[in-house]
Amino acid sequence: MVNGEVIHSNVALSNGDKVTFIIPTEDSTLIPEKDNLRIIYEDDTLLVVDKPAPMLTHPTVQSATGTLANLIAGHYLATGQHCGIHPVSRLDRNTSGLVLFAKNSLYHYLLTQSHITKTYLGIVEGQPTPLSGIITAPISRKSGSIIEREVNFSQGQAAETTYEVLTSNQKFSLVRFVLHTGRTHQIRVHCAIWVVPWLEIICMAEPDLKQDIASMLFN
């Protein structure tokens, strides 16, 4: 609206005009579920939640319930909010961490056009050399698979990952990753091009293995 009147978007503005945007409410079509949802931050436009592992971020053809998005739908229902569920970031099923959701399409678009720093912790078998650096290698879908990705210098999309070894006992190393691009399975694929063999990211490992690694690193 301009000066309180509904107008078309091609109307020329003048100095002193007051422009008002009305963002329509949205309702999710996902099945609402109630469970432990750890909310880190919430306001009228954004929601940040801590996703546990193993849990999908959003439903798939095979899994229509039991996802983080279903819990958010349940939260909106319980609190009387008419909001959409728009994940700005996603995590794999077996990865835990913070996931940012926008509550309407406009803010989802604005956030996807913004620079958001994504930091991850992972475990590598052995000790990378050098202890910090940047991995720059294009990533594409692996031939014959709809899920797997691989480094492909001729057809891949640009991908860049900064890494730093935080601590190591020579057998295992705790590594911090910062993603500068958002390619599918980027960390996993970039890890695969290192000479040292890689273990799964620690939050993807089996509980007993996680405990063993933690003991080696921190005890």
Protein backbone atom coordinates (compact mmCIF):
# COMPACT_ATOMS: atom_id res chain seq x y z
CA MET A 1 0.00 0.00 0.00
CA VAL A 2 1.03 3.62 -0.55
CA ASN A 3 -0.28 6.15 1.94
CA GLY A 4 -2.83 3.61 3.15
CA GLU A 5 -4.20 2.74 -0.29
CA VAL A 6 -3.76 -0.53 -2.17
CA ILE A 7 -1.91 0.14 -5.42
CA HIS A 8 -0.25 -1.72 -8.28
CA SER A 9 3.49 -2.32 -8.06
CA ASN A 10 4.25 -0.07 -11.05
CA VAL A 11 3.01 3.15 -9.39
CA ALA A 12 5.68 5.89 -9.25
CA LEU A 13 6.51 7.11 -5.74
CA SER A 14 6.98 10.67 -4.58
CA ASN A 15 8.97 12.14 -1.71
CA GLY A 16 7.14 11.62 1.56
CA ASP A 17 5.05 8.64 0.41
CA LYS A 18 4.56 5.96 3.03
CA VAL A 19 4.90 2.42 1.64
CA THR A 20 3.46 -0.50 3.58
CA PHE A 21 4.02 -4.17 2.76
CA ILE A 22 1.51 -6.71 4.02
CA ILE A 23 2.95 -10.21 4.24
CA PRO A 24 0.14 -12.77 4.01
CA THR A 25 -0.04 -15.51 6.60
CA GLU A 26 0.91 -19.04 5.61
CA ASP A 27 -0.27 -22.41 6.88
CA SER A 28 1.83 -25.55 6.67
CA THR A 29 0.40 -28.67 5.07
CA LEU A 30 2.78 -30.94 7.03
CA ILE A 31 1.49 -33.35 9.66
CA PRO A 32 2.02 -31.63 13.04
CA GLU A 33 3.77 -33.70 15.70
CA LYS A 34 4.60 -33.04 19.33
CA ASP A 35 7.96 -34.03 20.79
CA ASN A 36 11.03 -32.43 22.28
CA LEU A 37 11.84 -29.42 20.08
CA ARG A 38 14.83 -27.42 21.27
CA ILE A 39 14.27 -23.84 20.16
CA ILE A 40 17.41 -21.70 20.25
CA TYR A 41 15.86 -18.49 18.88
CA GLU A 42 12.46 -17.39 17.65
CA ASP A 43 10.80 -14.16 16.54
CA ASP A 44 8.00 -13.21 14.13
CA THR A 45 10.05 -14.08 11.05
CA LEU A 46 12.74 -16.60 12.04
CA LEU A 47 13.13 -19.85 13.96
CA VAL A 48 16.42 -21.53 14.90
CA VAL A 49 16.22 -25.06 16.28
CA ASP A 50 18.77 -27.67 17.35
CA LYS A 51 18.30 -30.77 15.18
CA PRO A 52 19.24 -34.07 16.83
CA ALA A 53 20.60 -37.09 15.03
CA PRO A 54 19.27 -39.25 13.50
CA MET A 55 16.41 -37.09 12.23
CA LEU A 56 15.49 -35.77 8.79
CA THR A 57 15.18 -32.00 8.38
CA HIS A 58 11.99 -32.28 6.32
CA PRO A 59 9.68 -35.05 4.99
CA THR A 60 10.55 -37.13 1.96
CA VAL A 61 8.53 -39.49 -0.22
CA GLN A 62 9.52 -42.33 2.10
CA SER A 63 9.16 -40.44 5.41
CA ALA A 64 6.17 -38.12 5.81
CA THR A 65 6.48 -37.88 9.62
CA GLY A 66 9.10 -37.93 12.32
CA THR A 67 11.09 -35.02 10.87
CA LEU A 68 12.20 -31.71 12.29
CA ALA A 69 9.68 -29.90 10.08
CA ASN A 70 6.84 -32.00 11.54
CA LEU A 71 7.86 -30.91 15.05
CA ILE A 72 7.90 -27.29 13.93
CA ALA A 73 4.41 -27.70 12.46
CA GLY A 74 3.33 -29.03 15.84
CA HIS A 75 4.94 -26.06 17.58
CA TYR A 76 3.13 -23.60 15.32
CA LEU A 77 -0.17 -25.37 15.95
CA ALA A 78 0.32 -25.37 19.72
CA THR A 79 1.24 -21.67 19.80
CA GLY A 80 -1.41 -20.51 17.32
CA GLN A 81 1.04 -19.36 14.66
CA HIS A 82 0.04 -19.31 10.99
CA CYS A 83 3.50 -19.64 9.48
CA GLY A 84 5.22 -21.45 6.68
CA ILE A 85 8.11 -23.86 7.22
CA HIS A 86 10.96 -22.76 4.99
CA PRO A 87 14.37 -24.30 5.82
CA VAL A 88 17.14 -21.87 4.95
CA SER A 89 19.76 -24.49 5.81
CA ARG A 90 19.57 -28.28 5.97
CA LEU A 91 21.48 -31.03 7.75
CA ASP A 92 21.76 -34.70 6.85
CA ARG A 93 19.74 -37.20 8.88
CA ASN A 94 22.73 -38.27 10.98
CA THR A 95 24.11 -34.78 11.51
CA SER A 96 23.17 -32.70 14.54
CA GLY A 97 23.28 -28.93 14.80
CA LEU A 98 21.40 -25.67 14.29
CA VAL A 99 18.92 -25.29 11.44
CA LEU A 100 17.49 -21.92 10.41
CA PHE A 101 13.87 -21.66 9.24
CA ALA A 102 12.05 -18.67 7.78
CA LYS A 103 8.39 -18.25 8.66
CA ASN A 104 7.33 -16.86 5.29
CA SER A 105 8.41 -17.00 1.67
CA LEU A 106 9.69 -13.42 1.57
CA TYR A 107 12.19 -13.85 4.39
CA HIS A 108 13.20 -17.24 3.02
CA TYR A 109 14.11 -15.57 -0.28
CA LEU A 110 15.97 -12.72 1.44
CA LEU A 111 17.98 -15.13 3.59
CA THR A 112 18.92 -17.34 0.66
CA GLN A 113 20.35 -14.23 -1.01
CA SER A 114 22.39 -13.37 2.08
CA HIS A 115 25.79 -14.64 3.18
CA ILE A 116 25.45 -17.08 6.07
CA THR A 117 28.55 -18.63 7.65
CA LYS A 118 28.17 -22.39 8.22
CA THR A 119 30.61 -24.05 10.64
CA TYR A 120 30.86 -27.79 11.32
CA LEU A 121 32.96 -30.09 13.50
CA GLY A 122 34.13 -33.44 12.19
CA ILE A 123 36.55 -36.28 12.88
CA VAL A 124 39.34 -37.33 10.54
CA GLU A 125 41.32 -40.54 10.84
CA GLY A 126 44.97 -39.53 11.10
CA GLN A 127 46.24 -35.95 10.99
CA PRO A 128 45.77 -33.74 7.91
CA THR A 129 48.82 -31.94 6.55
CA PRO A 130 48.87 -28.98 6.56
CA LEU A 131 46.89 -28.42 9.76
CA SER A 132 44.74 -25.75 8.12
CA GLY A 133 43.90 -24.65 4.62
CA ILE A 134 41.29 -24.29 1.91
CA ILE A 135 39.96 -27.11 -0.24
CA THR A 136 38.80 -25.84 -3.62
CA ALA A 137 37.35 -28.57 -5.82
CA PRO A 138 34.16 -28.55 -7.96
CA ILE A 139 31.47 -31.09 -7.05
CA SER A 140 28.96 -32.89 -9.26
CA ARG A 141 26.54 -35.80 -9.01
CA LYS A 142 28.28 -39.15 -9.30
CA SER A 143 27.52 -40.96 -12.54
CA GLY A 144 24.80 -43.58 -12.06
CA SER A 145 23.62 -42.21 -8.69
CA ILE A 146 20.98 -39.67 -7.67
CA ILE A 147 22.45 -39.29 -4.17
CA GLU A 148 26.24 -39.62 -4.26
CA ARG A 149 28.49 -36.69 -5.15
CA GLU A 150 32.11 -36.55 -6.29
CA VAL A 151 34.82 -34.09 -7.28
CA ASN A 152 34.57 -33.37 -10.99
CA PHE A 153 36.88 -30.70 -12.41
CA SER A 154 35.26 -30.69 -15.84
CA GLN A 155 31.54 -30.63 -14.99
CA GLY A 156 31.30 -29.88 -11.26
CA GLN A 157 29.95 -26.75 -9.57
CA ALA A 158 32.42 -24.55 -7.70
CA ALA A 159 32.88 -25.60 -4.06
CA GLU A 160 35.20 -24.26 -1.36
CA THR A 161 35.79 -25.44 2.21
CA THR A 162 38.12 -23.97 4.85
CA TYR A 163 39.40 -26.41 7.46
CA GLU A 164 41.44 -26.21 10.67
CA VAL A 165 42.66 -29.04 12.92
CA LEU A 166 41.62 -28.14 16.47
CA THR A 167 43.23 -31.06 18.29
CA SER A 168 44.80 -34.39 17.39
CA ASN A 169 46.35 -37.50 18.90
CA GLN A 170 47.83 -38.56 15.53
CA LYS A 171 45.27 -41.39 15.20
CA PHE A 172 42.25 -39.08 15.07
CA SER A 173 41.85 -35.33 14.62
CA LEU A 174 39.04 -32.96 15.48
CA VAL A 175 38.58 -30.59 12.54
CA ARG A 176 36.54 -27.41 12.11
CA PHE A 177 35.05 -26.82 8.67
CA VAL A 178 33.65 -23.56 7.28
CA LEU A 179 31.66 -23.89 4.08
CA HIS A 180 31.88 -21.05 1.57
CA THR A 181 29.49 -22.83 -0.81
CA GLY A 182 26.55 -25.11 -0.12
CA ARG A 183 26.99 -28.17 -2.30
CA THR A 184 25.32 -31.44 -1.33
CA HIS A 185 27.64 -33.60 0.83
CA GLN A 186 30.34 -30.96 0.40
CA ILE A 187 32.37 -31.81 3.50
CA ARG A 188 32.23 -35.53 2.84
CA VAL A 189 33.31 -35.13 -0.79
CA HIS A 190 36.11 -32.70 -0.01
CA CYS A 191 37.36 -34.97 2.75
CA ALA A 192 37.56 -37.82 0.26
CA ILE A 193 40.23 -36.05 -1.81
CA TRP A 194 42.65 -35.91 1.12
CA VAL A 195 45.46 -38.44 1.32
CA VAL A 196 44.52 -39.38 4.91
CA PRO A 197 41.49 -41.70 5.25
CA TRP A 198 38.39 -40.09 6.71
CA LEU A 199 36.02 -41.30 9.35
CA GLU A 200 32.38 -40.18 9.12
CA ILE A 201 31.66 -36.81 10.70
CA ILE A 202 31.53 -37.47 14.44
CA CYS A 203 27.80 -36.81 14.70
CA MET A 204 27.26 -39.45 12.01
CA ALA A 205 29.22 -42.12 13.88
CA GLU A 206 27.80 -44.94 16.00
CA PRO A 207 27.46 -44.05 19.72
CA ASP A 208 30.17 -46.49 20.88
CA LEU A 209 32.56 -45.22 18.23
CA LYS A 210 31.85 -41.63 19.21
CA GLN A 211 32.74 -42.44 22.82
CA ASP A 212 35.97 -44.16 21.80
CA ILE A 213 37.02 -41.21 19.65
CA ALA A 214 36.14 -38.69 22.34
CA SER A 215 38.24 -40.61 24.87
CA MET A 216 41.22 -40.67 22.49
CA LEU A 217 40.96 -36.94 21.79
CA PHE A 218 40.15 -35.46 25.15
CA ASN A 219 41.36 -37.85 27.90
